[in-house]
């Protein structure tokens, strides 16, 4: 492995693959400072105010004169809002359809396909969270062992549902999340639990989305049942009646086109955009060729790369919908006295990322190269096959909650600093961007994309490895996070708007 990686001939920085001492030779320059592994070094002089380029794209502007060989990071690189001239549908690379692969999934009556078989307890408001937890906790390993085809009973609780407006972005997003989890193909049965007087009424949801009560879909309110204890007892009885029905489900061959994979990254480092994210993008292209769906999200973390995605939009309307999200986020952060550059996090910066523009260019690589077929609101049901985008915050639990509500039955999560994230009902596959972290956190990481640097594994081979793991985990193989029981506390609906 050489000491640096140049991503494009137009770049005026390179990424170093090992820590450099002062005086180390790098390409055509000599290091003028200590440079940590994964950080950038200038390979040419950059005048104050001039653009700094990586990935053949602008990642920021020189805050002071930068000499060849200087360490380029937060001390001399500044962020500016993007001002791109957007093009639409100018970089379309249609994938050749090869609908031949399959996995062992659960076919549901409505035509959807699940990768897991849970019973869910979904709350409408924080006030019913304790009841939901107690109902779920009543079903231990001994009882569940009688139902081998049931993966578990899970409570999805949250901290909102009241003290909010009864219309608008926040209310509609929460209703979409509840509907998405209530009808998720990884759920064989659902019990919805509310308090009764909250703003987010269960009855409104049932009416708005046409949900009907059945042996495997029930709802109740604590106030109507007459208290917490009786609600818990009634809930346990309702779930216990669902278990034999849920256990009747069995896996059967299903086409790979039935997979919807949430594309996520967290705890990113400089290698994210060089190893794991492009490899996941290649896997997304393989999935798209099968008629399956990859769902990219985290709108603040494509900021500065959105112009590359609009070029891949199947039509102008799809591209403009994405730009509309960018404009909304610019306004959203401004009115809350924030900045689009509040990301990267301290950990991201320690790992070599400097601005949100740099982070976004690497994050967007998770979407591969195939056409952008659809752009969706947070938690909106994703219906288009191929590569799609969903609006969400960059906060991983909130983002994944929206993707799962949109129908994702698998999650794939790349990380460079290390992450202990997991999710239910859709299991999370985690990919390490570098071999050092993979070795430290091998119990948490499913795949080591760091081998692309340390062992010369090709992008295509690593992407194929990821895609093959999609099929294996979808068929029931436990991911590392799933084996450790993660996912009970990662349900976090995005709270938009005032808390009143």
Protein backbone atom coordinates (compact mmCIF):
# COMPACT_ATOMS: atom_id res chain seq x y z
CA UNK A 1 0.00 0.00 0.00
CA UNK A 2 1.49 3.34 -1.03
CA UNK A 3 1.67 6.28 1.36
CA UNK A 4 -1.12 8.30 -0.24
CA UNK A 5 -4.21 8.06 -2.43
CA UNK A 6 -4.96 10.53 -5.19
CA UNK A 7 -8.62 10.27 -6.16
CA UNK A 8 -8.50 12.41 -9.31
CA UNK A 9 -5.86 14.15 -11.40
CA UNK A 10 -7.64 17.50 -10.80
CA UNK A 11 -7.29 17.26 -7.01
CA UNK A 12 -4.84 19.55 -5.21
CA UNK A 13 -4.83 17.36 -2.08
CA UNK A 14 -4.17 13.67 -1.50
CA UNK A 15 -5.13 11.42 1.43
CA UNK A 16 -2.24 9.83 3.31
CA UNK A 17 -2.50 6.15 4.25
CA UNK A 18 -0.13 6.34 7.23
CA UNK A 19 0.90 9.02 9.72
CA UNK A 20 3.59 11.25 8.20
CA UNK A 21 6.51 12.92 9.95
CA UNK A 22 7.84 16.33 8.93
CA UNK A 23 10.00 15.94 5.85
CA UNK A 24 8.26 12.81 4.52
CA UNK A 25 8.10 12.63 0.73
CA UNK A 26 4.58 12.46 -0.73
CA UNK A 27 4.15 12.37 -4.50
CA UNK A 28 5.89 15.56 -5.71
CA UNK A 29 5.97 17.34 -2.34
CA UNK A 30 7.50 17.11 1.12
CA UNK A 31 5.39 17.12 4.28
CA UNK A 32 5.77 20.38 6.21
CA UNK A 33 3.90 19.13 9.30
CA UNK A 34 2.82 16.02 11.16
CA UNK A 35 -0.10 14.55 9.20
CA UNK A 36 -2.30 11.82 10.78
CA UNK A 37 -3.35 8.81 8.72
CA UNK A 38 -6.47 9.54 6.68
CA UNK A 39 -5.84 13.29 6.60
CA UNK A 40 -5.07 15.48 3.60
CA UNK A 41 -1.85 17.04 2.39
CA UNK A 42 -1.61 19.74 -0.29
CA UNK A 43 0.29 18.69 -3.41
CA UNK A 44 0.39 22.23 -4.81
CA UNK A 45 0.28 25.76 -3.43
CA UNK A 46 -3.29 26.98 -2.83
CA UNK A 47 -3.86 30.72 -2.43
CA UNK A 48 -6.15 32.08 0.26
CA UNK A 49 -9.76 31.91 -0.96
CA UNK A 50 -8.97 29.40 -3.72
CA UNK A 51 -10.93 26.13 -3.91
CA UNK A 52 -9.56 22.92 -2.45
CA UNK A 53 -10.44 19.87 -4.56
CA UNK A 54 -10.91 16.21 -3.72
CA UNK A 55 -12.93 13.70 -5.78
CA UNK A 56 -12.48 16.32 -8.55
CA UNK A 57 -14.99 18.42 -6.56
CA UNK A 58 -14.71 21.45 -4.28
CA UNK A 59 -14.59 20.45 -0.59
CA UNK A 60 -13.94 23.96 0.74
CA UNK A 61 -11.77 27.05 0.32
CA UNK A 62 -8.34 27.91 1.66
CA UNK A 63 -8.75 30.03 4.80
CA UNK A 64 -5.13 31.14 4.44
CA UNK A 65 -2.34 30.57 1.96
CA UNK A 66 -1.55 26.85 1.83
CA UNK A 67 1.89 25.72 0.69
CA UNK A 68 2.66 22.47 -1.08
CA UNK A 69 3.21 19.84 1.63
CA UNK A 70 0.96 21.53 4.22
CA UNK A 71 -1.53 19.54 6.28
CA UNK A 72 -5.00 20.60 5.04
CA UNK A 73 -7.69 20.44 7.71
CA UNK A 74 -9.93 22.58 9.91
CA UNK A 75 -7.18 25.11 10.67
CA UNK A 76 -6.82 26.25 7.05
CA UNK A 77 -9.91 25.03 5.15
CA UNK A 78 -13.24 26.86 5.36
CA UNK A 79 -16.80 25.97 4.36
CA UNK A 80 -19.07 28.01 2.09
CA UNK A 81 -22.65 27.26 1.11
CA UNK A 82 -22.97 25.50 -2.23
CA UNK A 83 -23.88 27.46 -5.33
CA UNK A 84 -24.08 24.75 -7.97
CA UNK A 85 -25.50 25.03 -11.47
CA UNK A 86 -27.72 21.98 -11.53
CA UNK A 87 -28.02 19.66 -14.50
CA UNK A 88 -30.73 17.05 -14.84
CA UNK A 89 -30.55 13.58 -16.41
CA UNK A 90 -27.13 14.18 -17.99
CA UNK A 91 -25.39 11.18 -16.37
CA UNK A 92 -27.81 8.31 -16.82
CA UNK A 93 -26.28 4.84 -16.70
CA UNK A 94 -29.16 2.38 -16.89
CA UNK A 95 -28.48 -0.99 -15.31
CA UNK A 96 -28.93 -4.19 -17.26
CA UNK A 97 -31.81 -6.08 -15.66
CA UNK A 98 -30.84 -9.54 -14.38
CA UNK A 99 -33.75 -10.77 -12.29
CA UNK A 100 -32.36 -14.17 -11.34
CA UNK A 101 -31.26 -14.01 -7.67
CA UNK A 102 -33.46 -14.98 -4.75
CA UNK A 103 -33.55 -15.22 -0.97
CA UNK A 104 -35.72 -17.02 1.58
CA UNK A 105 -38.28 -14.52 2.78
CA UNK A 106 -41.78 -14.23 4.23
CA UNK A 107 -44.50 -13.60 1.65
CA UNK A 108 -47.32 -11.48 3.06
CA UNK A 109 -50.94 -11.42 1.91
CA UNK A 110 -50.62 -7.87 0.56
CA UNK A 111 -47.81 -8.89 -1.80
CA UNK A 112 -44.90 -7.51 0.25
CA UNK A 113 -42.01 -9.67 1.42
CA UNK A 114 -40.43 -9.71 4.86
CA UNK A 115 -36.94 -10.67 5.93
CA UNK A 116 -37.95 -11.13 9.59
CA UNK A 117 -41.12 -12.18 11.44
CA UNK A 118 -41.77 -9.99 14.49
CA UNK A 119 -44.80 -8.93 16.51
CA UNK A 120 -44.67 -5.17 17.06
CA UNK A 121 -46.07 -2.97 19.82
CA UNK A 122 -46.27 0.55 18.35
CA UNK A 123 -46.97 3.55 20.57
CA UNK A 124 -48.75 6.73 19.54
CA UNK A 125 -47.28 8.85 22.34
CA UNK A 126 -44.59 8.85 25.01
CA UNK A 127 -47.31 8.39 27.63
CA UNK A 128 -47.90 4.78 26.49
CA UNK A 129 -44.21 3.85 26.30
CA UNK A 130 -44.08 2.11 29.67
CA UNK A 131 -47.14 0.02 28.87
CA UNK A 132 -45.63 -1.06 25.56
CA UNK A 133 -42.30 -1.97 27.15
CA UNK A 134 -44.00 -4.04 29.86
CA UNK A 135 -46.09 -5.91 27.31
CA UNK A 136 -43.04 -6.76 25.22
CA UNK A 137 -40.94 -7.69 28.27
CA UNK A 138 -43.56 -10.25 29.30
CA UNK A 139 -42.46 -12.52 26.46
CA UNK A 140 -39.19 -14.12 27.43
CA UNK A 141 -37.03 -16.73 25.67
CA UNK A 142 -38.83 -19.68 27.25
CA UNK A 143 -42.25 -18.74 25.91
CA UNK A 144 -40.96 -17.56 22.53
CA UNK A 145 -39.13 -20.87 22.09
CA UNK A 146 -42.57 -22.40 21.53
CA UNK A 147 -42.88 -20.26 18.38
CA UNK A 148 -39.66 -20.87 16.39
CA UNK A 149 -40.84 -18.89 13.37
CA UNK A 150 -41.35 -15.71 15.43
CA UNK A 151 -38.25 -13.52 15.80
CA UNK A 152 -39.54 -11.72 18.87
CA UNK A 153 -41.97 -9.19 20.36
CA UNK A 154 -40.65 -5.63 20.04
CA UNK A 155 -41.86 -2.36 21.55
CA UNK A 156 -41.38 0.72 19.36
CA UNK A 157 -41.60 3.65 21.77
CA UNK A 158 -40.70 7.32 21.31
CA UNK A 159 -40.69 10.68 23.05
CA UNK A 160 -43.28 12.59 21.05
CA UNK A 161 -46.94 12.31 19.96
CA UNK A 162 -48.30 15.21 22.00
CA UNK A 163 -47.39 18.85 22.60
CA UNK A 164 -47.32 19.25 18.83
CA UNK A 165 -49.46 20.78 16.09
CA UNK A 166 -52.23 18.56 14.70
CA UNK A 167 -51.10 19.24 11.12
CA UNK A 168 -47.98 20.17 9.23
CA UNK A 169 -44.62 18.51 8.62
CA UNK A 170 -44.06 17.12 12.12
CA UNK A 171 -47.50 15.58 12.58
CA UNK A 172 -47.58 14.11 9.09
CA UNK A 173 -44.10 12.62 9.46
CA UNK A 174 -45.05 10.90 12.73
CA UNK A 175 -48.23 9.51 11.19
CA UNK A 176 -46.22 8.13 8.25
CA UNK A 177 -43.77 6.48 10.66
CA UNK A 178 -46.59 4.83 12.61
CA UNK A 179 -48.32 3.65 9.44
CA UNK A 180 -45.05 2.36 7.99
CA UNK A 181 -44.28 0.29 11.08
CA UNK A 182 -47.88 -0.87 11.41
CA UNK A 183 -47.80 -2.27 7.86
CA UNK A 184 -44.14 -3.29 7.66
CA UNK A 185 -43.58 -6.64 5.93
CA UNK A 186 -41.26 -7.75 8.76
CA UNK A 187 -44.22 -7.67 11.17
CA UNK A 188 -46.59 -10.61 11.38
CA UNK A 189 -48.70 -8.91 14.02
CA UNK A 190 -49.12 -5.38 15.41
CA UNK A 191 -50.59 -3.94 18.61
CA UNK A 192 -50.92 -0.15 18.74
CA UNK A 193 -51.04 1.38 22.23
CA UNK A 194 -52.00 4.97 23.05
CA UNK A 195 -53.03 7.01 26.07
CA UNK A 196 -56.28 8.41 24.67
CA UNK A 197 -56.06 12.21 24.90
CA UNK A 198 -52.84 12.76 22.91
CA UNK A 199 -52.59 14.89 19.78
CA UNK A 200 -51.48 11.90 17.70
CA UNK A 201 -54.72 9.92 17.85
CA UNK A 202 -54.63 6.24 16.82
CA UNK A 203 -58.18 6.48 15.43
CA UNK A 204 -57.11 9.29 13.07
CA UNK A 205 -54.30 7.08 11.77
CA UNK A 206 -56.62 4.12 11.23
CA UNK A 207 -59.09 6.30 9.35
CA UNK A 208 -56.47 8.15 7.28
CA UNK A 209 -54.72 5.00 6.11
CA UNK A 210 -57.68 2.62 6.01
CA UNK A 211 -56.27 0.27 8.65
CA UNK A 212 -58.74 -2.33 9.95
CA UNK A 213 -58.68 -4.30 13.18
CA UNK A 214 -58.03 -8.05 12.77
CA UNK A 215 -56.66 -10.95 14.81
CA UNK A 216 -53.13 -9.76 13.97
CA UNK A 217 -53.80 -5.99 14.10
CA UNK A 218 -55.17 -4.55 17.33
CA UNK A 219 -55.23 -1.15 19.07
CA UNK A 220 -56.15 0.16 22.50
CA UNK A 221 -55.86 3.26 24.72
CA UNK A 222 -54.86 3.27 28.39
CA UNK A 223 -57.70 5.64 29.34
CA UNK A 224 -60.34 3.43 27.70
CA UNK A 225 -59.00 0.19 29.15
CA UNK A 226 -58.95 1.88 32.57
CA UNK A 227 -55.36 2.21 33.63
CA UNK A 228 -51.81 1.04 33.09
CA UNK A 229 -52.02 -2.35 34.81
CA UNK A 230 -55.13 -3.45 32.95
CA UNK A 231 -53.69 -2.16 29.67
CA UNK A 232 -50.56 -4.24 30.15
CA UNK A 233 -52.60 -7.33 31.02
CA UNK A 234 -54.90 -6.83 28.02
CA UNK A 235 -51.93 -6.21 25.75
CA UNK A 236 -50.20 -9.39 26.85
CA UNK A 237 -53.39 -11.35 26.12
CA UNK A 238 -53.67 -9.79 22.65
CA UNK A 239 -50.06 -10.56 21.75
CA UNK A 240 -50.32 -14.08 23.15
CA UNK A 241 -53.25 -14.68 20.81
CA UNK A 242 -51.18 -13.42 17.84
CA UNK A 243 -48.20 -15.69 18.46
CA UNK A 244 -49.65 -18.96 17.08
CA UNK A 245 -50.85 -17.12 13.97
CA UNK A 246 -47.49 -15.43 13.43
CA UNK A 247 -45.74 -18.77 13.88
CA UNK A 248 -47.60 -20.17 10.88
CA UNK A 249 -45.49 -18.00 8.59
CA UNK A 250 -42.58 -19.76 6.92
CA UNK A 251 -39.78 -18.77 4.57
CA UNK A 252 -40.01 -19.46 0.86
CA UNK A 253 -37.96 -18.43 -2.20
CA UNK A 254 -38.50 -14.75 -3.05
CA UNK A 255 -36.92 -12.63 -5.81
CA UNK A 256 -34.14 -10.20 -4.91
CA UNK A 257 -36.40 -7.50 -6.38
CA UNK A 258 -38.36 -7.68 -3.09
CA UNK A 259 -35.43 -6.26 -1.14
CA UNK A 260 -35.42 -2.62 -0.07
CA UNK A 261 -32.09 -1.75 1.51
CA UNK A 262 -31.53 1.38 3.62
CA UNK A 263 -28.11 2.82 2.73
CA UNK A 264 -26.56 4.39 5.83
CA UNK A 265 -23.25 5.65 7.18
CA UNK A 266 -22.22 6.85 10.62
CA UNK A 267 -19.01 7.49 12.50
CA UNK A 268 -17.48 8.23 9.10
CA UNK A 269 -13.81 8.80 8.42
CA UNK A 270 -11.69 9.71 5.40
CA UNK A 271 -11.81 6.11 4.16
CA UNK A 272 -15.62 6.01 4.05
CA UNK A 273 -15.72 7.67 0.62
CA UNK A 274 -12.80 5.58 -0.65
CA UNK A 275 -13.60 2.01 0.47
CA UNK A 276 -16.89 1.10 2.15
CA UNK A 277 -19.23 3.64 0.55
CA UNK A 278 -18.20 2.97 -3.07
CA UNK A 279 -18.32 -0.79 -2.38
CA UNK A 280 -21.84 -0.43 -0.96
CA UNK A 281 -22.69 1.65 -4.05
CA UNK A 282 -21.54 -1.23 -6.27
CA UNK A 283 -23.76 -3.59 -4.25
CA UNK A 284 -26.65 -1.13 -4.71
CA UNK A 285 -26.12 -1.26 -8.48
CA UNK A 286 -26.19 -5.09 -8.36
CA UNK A 287 -29.45 -4.89 -6.40
CA UNK A 288 -30.92 -2.40 -8.87
CA UNK A 289 -30.09 -4.81 -11.69
CA UNK A 290 -32.30 -7.35 -9.91
CA UNK A 291 -35.18 -4.89 -9.70
CA UNK A 292 -34.52 -4.27 -6.01
CA UNK A 293 -34.34 -0.91 -4.25
CA UNK A 294 -31.59 1.02 -2.49
CA UNK A 295 -32.70 3.97 -0.34
CA UNK A 296 -30.12 6.69 0.39
CA UNK A 297 -31.05 9.27 3.05
CA UNK A 298 -29.55 11.91 5.37
CA UNK A 299 -30.18 15.06 3.32
CA UNK A 300 -27.66 17.23 5.22
CA UNK A 301 -25.02 14.61 4.37
CA UNK A 302 -25.43 14.88 0.61
CA UNK A 303 -25.14 18.67 0.79
CA UNK A 304 -22.47 19.65 -1.71
CA UNK A 305 -22.93 16.42 -3.66
CA UNK A 306 -26.56 16.87 -4.68
CA UNK A 307 -25.51 18.23 -8.10
CA UNK A 308 -24.02 14.80 -8.86
CA UNK A 309 -27.33 13.14 -7.98
CA UNK A 310 -29.48 15.49 -10.08
CA UNK A 311 -27.41 14.48 -13.10
CA UNK A 312 -28.54 10.91 -12.42
CA UNK A 313 -32.24 11.78 -11.96
CA UNK A 314 -34.48 9.92 -14.41
CA UNK A 315 -36.27 13.19 -15.19
CA UNK A 316 -36.20 16.88 -14.30
CA UNK A 317 -39.09 16.58 -11.84
CA UNK A 318 -37.20 14.00 -9.79
CA UNK A 319 -34.07 16.16 -9.76
CA UNK A 320 -35.97 19.29 -8.81
CA UNK A 321 -37.64 17.43 -5.95
CA UNK A 322 -34.18 16.72 -4.54
CA UNK A 323 -33.15 20.37 -4.88
CA UNK A 324 -36.35 21.35 -3.08
CA UNK A 325 -35.20 19.28 -0.10
CA UNK A 326 -31.81 21.04 -0.11
CA UNK A 327 -33.47 24.45 -0.09
CA UNK A 328 -35.78 23.38 2.77
CA UNK A 329 -32.77 22.29 4.82
CA UNK A 330 -30.92 25.55 4.17
CA UNK A 331 -33.94 27.43 5.50
CA UNK A 332 -34.47 24.96 8.37
CA UNK A 333 -30.91 25.32 9.66
CA UNK A 334 -30.89 29.10 9.16
CA UNK A 335 -34.07 29.73 11.12
CA UNK A 336 -32.76 27.52 13.92
CA UNK A 337 -29.50 29.51 13.93
CA UNK A 338 -27.47 26.54 12.71
CA UNK A 339 -25.30 25.79 9.71
CA UNK A 340 -25.24 23.07 7.10
CA UNK A 341 -21.61 22.62 8.16
CA UNK A 342 -22.47 21.62 11.74
CA UNK A 343 -21.46 18.20 10.40
CA UNK A 344 -18.80 16.63 10.38
CA UNK A 345 -18.72 15.63 14.03
CA UNK A 346 -15.56 15.78 16.19
CA UNK A 347 -15.02 12.07 15.52
CA UNK A 348 -15.39 12.58 11.77
CA UNK A 349 -12.80 15.35 11.89
CA UNK A 350 -10.38 13.25 13.89
CA UNK A 351 -10.77 10.62 11.16
CA UNK A 352 -9.72 13.13 8.48
CA UNK A 353 -12.97 14.73 7.29
CA UNK A 354 -12.96 18.52 7.34
CA UNK A 355 -16.19 19.98 5.86
CA UNK A 356 -19.70 18.71 5.15
CA UNK A 357 -18.87 19.05 1.45
CA UNK A 358 -16.08 16.49 1.77
CA UNK A 359 -18.22 14.19 3.90
CA UNK A 360 -21.17 14.44 1.50
CA UNK A 361 -19.13 13.57 -1.57
CA UNK A 362 -18.05 10.36 0.15
CA UNK A 363 -21.52 9.63 1.57
CA UNK A 364 -23.23 9.95 -1.81
CA UNK A 365 -21.05 7.11 -3.11
CA UNK A 366 -23.32 4.67 -1.24
CA UNK A 367 -25.84 5.17 -4.05
CA UNK A 368 -23.61 3.67 -6.75
CA UNK A 369 -23.94 4.90 -10.32
CA UNK A 370 -27.41 3.79 -11.44
CA UNK A 371 -30.20 6.32 -12.20
CA UNK A 372 -32.01 8.13 -9.39
CA UNK A 373 -35.57 6.83 -9.82
CA UNK A 374 -37.42 8.53 -6.95
CA UNK A 375 -37.21 11.13 -4.16
CA UNK A 376 -39.39 10.69 -1.08
CA UNK A 377 -40.50 12.54 2.03
CA UNK A 378 -39.35 11.27 5.41
CA UNK A 379 -41.02 7.90 6.17
CA UNK A 380 -42.97 7.98 2.90
CA UNK A 381 -43.54 4.55 1.33
CA UNK A 382 -40.85 3.92 -1.29
CA UNK A 383 -42.40 2.44 -4.42
CA UNK A 384 -39.86 2.98 -7.22
CA UNK A 385 -37.29 0.22 -7.83
CA UNK A 386 -33.62 1.05 -8.28
CA UNK A 387 -31.67 3.81 -6.53
CA UNK A 388 -33.87 6.23 -4.58
CA UNK A 389 -33.50 8.99 -1.99
CA UNK A 390 -35.45 9.76 1.19
CA UNK A 391 -35.35 13.06 3.08
CA UNK A 392 -34.10 12.68 6.65
CA UNK A 393 -31.74 14.19 9.21
CA UNK A 394 -28.16 12.97 9.38
CA UNK A 395 -28.83 11.56 12.87
CA UNK A 396 -28.63 7.82 12.26
CA UNK A 397 -31.48 6.49 14.46
CA UNK A 398 -33.95 9.08 13.13
CA UNK A 399 -32.84 8.51 9.55
CA UNK A 400 -33.08 4.71 9.72
CA UNK A 401 -36.48 4.94 11.42
CA UNK A 402 -37.75 6.84 8.37
CA UNK A 403 -36.21 4.36 5.94
CA UNK A 404 -37.73 1.36 7.73
CA UNK A 405 -41.11 3.13 7.82
CA UNK A 406 -40.70 3.58 4.05
CA UNK A 407 -40.53 -0.20 3.64
CA UNK A 408 -36.83 -1.05 3.93
CA UNK A 409 -36.48 -4.65 5.06
CA UNK A 410 -32.66 -4.50 5.38
CA UNK A 411 -30.22 -1.80 6.56
CA UNK A 412 -26.59 -1.54 5.45
CA UNK A 413 -24.44 0.80 7.54
CA UNK A 414 -20.85 1.83 6.78
CA UNK A 415 -18.61 3.20 9.50
CA UNK A 416 -15.00 4.29 9.88
CA UNK A 417 -14.72 5.33 13.51
CA UNK A 418 -16.87 2.41 14.64
CA UNK A 419 -20.57 2.11 15.43
CA UNK A 420 -22.66 -0.11 17.68
CA UNK A 421 -25.87 0.66 15.78
CA UNK A 422 -28.51 -1.99 15.12
CA UNK A 423 -32.18 -1.90 14.16
CA UNK A 424 -35.47 -3.77 14.31
CA UNK A 425 -37.50 -5.03 12.57
CA UNK A 426 -35.04 -4.67 9.66
CA UNK A 427 -31.59 -6.08 10.59
CA UNK A 428 -28.48 -3.95 10.12
CA UNK A 429 -25.34 -5.09 8.28
CA UNK A 430 -22.25 -3.06 9.26
CA UNK A 431 -19.23 -2.44 7.04
CA UNK A 432 -15.87 -1.23 8.34
CA UNK A 433 -14.01 1.27 6.16
CA UNK A 434 -10.55 0.35 7.50
CA UNK A 435 -8.84 -2.80 8.75
CA UNK A 436 -7.61 -1.31 12.05
CA UNK A 437 -11.12 -0.55 13.26
CA UNK A 438 -12.47 -3.84 11.90
CA UNK A 439 -9.87 -5.70 13.99
CA UNK A 440 -10.77 -3.74 17.13
CA UNK A 441 -14.54 -4.13 16.65
CA UNK A 442 -14.80 -7.47 14.90
CA UNK A 443 -17.79 -8.47 17.04
CA UNK A 444 -19.72 -5.51 15.59
CA UNK A 445 -18.55 -5.44 11.96
CA UNK A 446 -19.92 -7.83 9.32
CA UNK A 447 -17.56 -6.90 6.47
CA UNK A 448 -14.09 -5.34 6.27
CA UNK A 449 -13.95 -2.95 3.31
CA UNK A 450 -10.54 -1.89 4.58
CA UNK A 451 -9.18 -4.85 2.64
CA UNK A 452 -9.55 -2.67 -0.44
CA UNK A 453 -6.54 -0.75 0.92
CA UNK A 454 -4.67 -3.27 3.05
CA UNK A 455 -5.03 -6.34 0.82
CA UNK A 456 -5.77 -4.94 -2.64
CA UNK A 457 -9.30 -6.36 -2.84
CA UNK A 458 -11.12 -4.82 -5.80
CA UNK A 459 -14.19 -2.60 -5.60
CA UNK A 460 -16.14 -5.18 -7.60
CA UNK A 461 -15.19 -8.10 -5.33
CA UNK A 462 -15.99 -6.20 -2.14
CA UNK A 463 -19.27 -4.94 -3.61
CA UNK A 464 -20.23 -8.49 -4.57
CA UNK A 465 -19.40 -9.66 -1.03
CA UNK A 466 -21.77 -7.02 0.38
CA UNK A 467 -24.53 -7.93 -2.07
CA UNK A 468 -24.19 -11.64 -1.26
CA UNK A 469 -24.54 -10.79 2.43
CA UNK A 470 -27.77 -8.92 1.61
CA UNK A 471 -29.23 -12.21 0.38
CA UNK A 472 -27.86 -14.24 3.30
CA UNK A 473 -29.12 -11.90 6.03
CA UNK A 474 -32.45 -11.48 4.24
CA UNK A 475 -32.74 -15.27 4.34
CA UNK A 476 -32.32 -15.36 8.12
CA UNK A 477 -28.58 -15.27 8.82
CA UNK A 478 -28.07 -13.03 11.87
CA UNK A 479 -25.99 -9.90 11.34
CA UNK A 480 -23.44 -9.00 14.02
CA UNK A 481 -25.64 -6.26 15.53
CA UNK A 482 -28.67 -8.53 15.43
CA UNK A 483 -26.80 -11.32 17.23
CA UNK A 484 -26.04 -8.84 20.04
CA UNK A 485 -29.70 -7.88 20.39
CA UNK A 486 -29.46 -4.29 19.16
CA UNK A 487 -32.53 -2.51 17.85
CA UNK A 488 -34.89 -2.08 20.80
CA UNK A 489 -33.84 1.53 21.49
CA UNK A 490 -33.05 2.80 17.98
CA UNK A 491 -36.64 3.71 17.01
CA UNK A 492 -36.44 7.53 16.88
CA UNK A 493 -39.06 9.35 14.78
CA UNK A 494 -37.81 12.72 13.54
CA UNK A 495 -39.36 15.56 15.55
CA UNK A 496 -40.01 18.49 13.22
CA UNK A 497 -41.44 21.75 14.48
CA UNK A 498 -42.18 23.31 17.83
CA UNK A 499 -42.78 21.35 21.01
CA UNK A 500 -45.72 23.12 22.63
